[in-house]
Amino acid sequence: RRFGFALEDIRQWLLVREKDGTEAQMRQWIDLADSQIVELTEQRRQLDETLAELTSLRDTTVKTLG
């Protein structure tokens, strides 16, 4: 669940992992994983941006205090 998948997606992955999935299920899982990688990468980019902005504001405040 930490990757952001729904329970059904996890069930599909488990089938694939246990080699009980069909080729179509495996391809669907790859597509789903690719989409989630894009989503998580974007979330990380946004988080990095937010952290940089907050750090800058904090540093500016520290400088103001002298």
N, C-alpha and C. Protein backbone atom coordinates (compact mmCIF):
# COMPACT_ATOMS: atom_id res chain seq x y z
N ARG A 1 0.82 -1.20 0.00
CA ARG A 1 0.00 0.00 0.00
C ARG A 1 0.86 1.26 0.00
N ARG A 2 2.09 1.17 0.44
CA ARG A 2 2.91 2.36 0.52
C ARG A 2 3.21 2.96 -0.84
N PHE A 3 3.01 2.19 -1.91
CA PHE A 3 3.23 2.70 -3.25
C PHE A 3 2.01 3.43 -3.79
N GLY A 4 0.93 3.43 -3.02
CA GLY A 4 -0.26 4.15 -3.42
C GLY A 4 -1.25 3.34 -4.25
N PHE A 5 -1.11 2.04 -4.25
CA PHE A 5 -2.01 1.20 -5.04
C PHE A 5 -3.25 0.81 -4.24
N ALA A 6 -4.33 0.62 -4.95
CA ALA A 6 -5.57 0.12 -4.36
C ALA A 6 -5.40 -1.37 -4.04
N LEU A 7 -6.25 -1.89 -3.18
CA LEU A 7 -6.15 -3.30 -2.80
C LEU A 7 -6.27 -4.23 -4.00
N GLU A 8 -7.13 -3.92 -4.95
CA GLU A 8 -7.27 -4.76 -6.14
C GLU A 8 -5.97 -4.76 -6.95
N ASP A 9 -5.31 -3.62 -7.03
CA ASP A 9 -4.04 -3.55 -7.75
C ASP A 9 -2.99 -4.41 -7.06
N ILE A 10 -3.01 -4.41 -5.74
CA ILE A 10 -2.07 -5.23 -4.98
C ILE A 10 -2.35 -6.71 -5.21
N ARG A 11 -3.63 -7.06 -5.25
CA ARG A 11 -4.00 -8.45 -5.52
C ARG A 11 -3.48 -8.89 -6.88
N GLN A 12 -3.63 -8.03 -7.88
CA GLN A 12 -3.13 -8.35 -9.22
C GLN A 12 -1.62 -8.54 -9.20
N TRP A 13 -0.92 -7.66 -8.48
CA TRP A 13 0.53 -7.77 -8.39
C TRP A 13 0.95 -9.08 -7.74
N LEU A 14 0.21 -9.48 -6.70
CA LEU A 14 0.54 -10.74 -6.05
C LEU A 14 0.36 -11.92 -6.99
N LEU A 15 -0.66 -11.89 -7.82
CA LEU A 15 -0.84 -12.94 -8.82
C LEU A 15 0.34 -12.98 -9.77
N VAL A 16 0.75 -11.82 -10.23
CA VAL A 16 1.87 -11.73 -11.16
C VAL A 16 3.14 -12.24 -10.47
N ARG A 17 3.35 -11.79 -9.25
CA ARG A 17 4.56 -12.16 -8.50
C ARG A 17 4.65 -13.66 -8.26
N GLU A 18 3.52 -14.27 -8.03
CA GLU A 18 3.49 -15.71 -7.78
C GLU A 18 3.43 -16.51 -9.08
N LYS A 19 3.58 -15.83 -10.19
CA LYS A 19 3.58 -16.45 -11.52
C LYS A 19 2.24 -17.08 -11.89
N ASP A 20 1.17 -16.65 -11.20
CA ASP A 20 -0.15 -17.15 -11.52
C ASP A 20 -0.91 -16.21 -12.44
N GLY A 21 -0.29 -15.09 -12.77
CA GLY A 21 -0.96 -14.12 -13.62
C GLY A 21 -0.77 -14.45 -15.10
N THR A 22 -1.73 -14.03 -15.88
CA THR A 22 -1.62 -14.22 -17.32
C THR A 22 -0.69 -13.14 -17.89
N GLU A 23 -0.30 -13.31 -19.12
CA GLU A 23 0.54 -12.30 -19.77
C GLU A 23 -0.18 -10.96 -19.81
N ALA A 24 -1.48 -10.98 -20.06
CA ALA A 24 -2.27 -9.73 -20.09
C ALA A 24 -2.25 -9.06 -18.71
N GLN A 25 -2.36 -9.84 -17.65
CA GLN A 25 -2.31 -9.27 -16.31
C GLN A 25 -0.94 -8.68 -16.02
N MET A 26 0.09 -9.36 -16.47
CA MET A 26 1.44 -8.85 -16.27
C MET A 26 1.65 -7.54 -17.01
N ARG A 27 1.18 -7.47 -18.23
CA ARG A 27 1.31 -6.23 -19.01
C ARG A 27 0.49 -5.10 -18.37
N GLN A 28 -0.69 -5.43 -17.88
CA GLN A 28 -1.53 -4.43 -17.21
C GLN A 28 -0.83 -3.93 -15.94
N TRP A 29 -0.21 -4.85 -15.21
CA TRP A 29 0.50 -4.46 -14.00
C TRP A 29 1.67 -3.54 -14.33
N ILE A 30 2.41 -3.84 -15.39
CA ILE A 30 3.53 -2.99 -15.80
C ILE A 30 3.03 -1.59 -16.13
N ASP A 31 1.93 -1.49 -16.86
CA ASP A 31 1.35 -0.19 -17.20
C ASP A 31 0.94 0.57 -15.93
N LEU A 32 0.33 -0.13 -15.00
CA LEU A 32 -0.10 0.48 -13.75
C LEU A 32 1.12 0.96 -12.95
N ALA A 33 2.15 0.14 -12.88
CA ALA A 33 3.36 0.52 -12.16
C ALA A 33 4.02 1.73 -12.82
N ASP A 34 4.07 1.75 -14.15
CA ASP A 34 4.64 2.89 -14.86
C ASP A 34 3.88 4.18 -14.53
N SER A 35 2.56 4.10 -14.51
CA SER A 35 1.74 5.27 -14.18
C SER A 35 2.00 5.74 -12.75
N GLN A 36 2.13 4.79 -11.84
CA GLN A 36 2.37 5.15 -10.44
C GLN A 36 3.76 5.75 -10.26
N ILE A 37 4.73 5.26 -11.01
CA ILE A 37 6.08 5.83 -10.95
C ILE A 37 6.05 7.29 -11.39
N VAL A 38 5.31 7.58 -12.45
CA VAL A 38 5.18 8.97 -12.91
C VAL A 38 4.53 9.82 -11.82
N GLU A 39 3.46 9.31 -11.22
CA GLU A 39 2.74 10.04 -10.17
C GLU A 39 3.64 10.30 -8.96
N LEU A 40 4.35 9.28 -8.51
CA LEU A 40 5.22 9.44 -7.35
C LEU A 40 6.38 10.39 -7.64
N THR A 41 6.89 10.35 -8.86
CA THR A 41 7.97 11.26 -9.26
C THR A 41 7.48 12.71 -9.21
N GLU A 42 6.27 12.94 -9.68
CA GLU A 42 5.69 14.29 -9.63
C GLU A 42 5.47 14.73 -8.19
N GLN A 43 4.98 13.83 -7.35
CA GLN A 43 4.80 14.17 -5.94
C GLN A 43 6.12 14.52 -5.28
N ARG A 44 7.17 13.78 -5.63
CA ARG A 44 8.49 14.07 -5.07
C ARG A 44 8.98 15.43 -5.54
N ARG A 45 8.76 15.75 -6.81
CA ARG A 45 9.17 17.05 -7.34
C ARG A 45 8.47 18.17 -6.58
N GLN A 46 7.17 18.00 -6.37
CA GLN A 46 6.41 19.02 -5.64
C GLN A 46 6.89 19.13 -4.19
N LEU A 47 7.18 18.01 -3.56
CA LEU A 47 7.66 18.03 -2.19
C LEU A 47 9.04 18.69 -2.10
N ASP A 48 9.92 18.38 -3.04
CA ASP A 48 11.24 19.02 -3.07
C ASP A 48 11.11 20.53 -3.23
N GLU A 49 10.20 20.94 -4.09
CA GLU A 49 9.97 22.37 -4.31
C GLU A 49 9.45 23.04 -3.03
N THR A 50 8.50 22.40 -2.38
CA THR A 50 7.94 22.94 -1.15
C THR A 50 9.00 23.02 -0.05
N LEU A 51 9.81 21.99 0.07
CA LEU A 51 10.88 22.00 1.07
C LEU A 51 11.89 23.13 0.80
N ALA A 52 12.22 23.33 -0.45
CA ALA A 52 13.16 24.40 -0.80
C ALA A 52 12.58 25.76 -0.45
N GLU A 53 11.30 25.97 -0.74
CA GLU A 53 10.65 27.24 -0.41
C GLU A 53 10.60 27.47 1.09
N LEU A 54 10.23 26.43 1.84
CA LEU A 54 10.15 26.55 3.30
C LEU A 54 11.54 26.80 3.89
N THR A 55 12.54 26.12 3.40
CA THR A 55 13.91 26.33 3.89
C THR A 55 14.35 27.76 3.62
N SER A 56 14.03 28.27 2.46
CA SER A 56 14.39 29.64 2.12
C SER A 56 13.71 30.64 3.05
N LEU A 57 12.42 30.45 3.30
CA LEU A 57 11.70 31.32 4.23
C LEU A 57 12.29 31.25 5.64
N ARG A 58 12.62 30.05 6.07
CA ARG A 58 13.23 29.88 7.39
C ARG A 58 14.58 30.59 7.46
N ASP A 59 15.40 30.40 6.45
CA ASP A 59 16.72 31.02 6.43
C ASP A 59 16.63 32.54 6.43
N THR A 60 15.67 33.07 5.70
CA THR A 60 15.46 34.51 5.67
C THR A 60 15.07 35.02 7.06
N THR A 61 14.22 34.29 7.74
CA THR A 61 13.80 34.66 9.08
C THR A 61 14.98 34.60 10.06
N VAL A 62 15.79 33.59 9.95
CA VAL A 62 16.98 33.47 10.82
C VAL A 62 17.89 34.67 10.60
N LYS A 63 18.10 35.07 9.35
CA LYS A 63 18.97 36.22 9.04
C LYS A 63 18.39 37.52 9.63
N THR A 64 17.07 37.62 9.63
CA THR A 64 16.42 38.81 10.17
C THR A 64 16.69 38.92 11.68
N LEU A 65 16.75 37.78 12.34
CA LEU A 65 17.02 37.78 13.77
C LEU A 65 18.47 38.17 14.09
N GLY A 66 19.32 38.00 13.09
CA GLY A 66 20.70 38.41 13.23
C GLY A 66 21.54 37.40 13.83
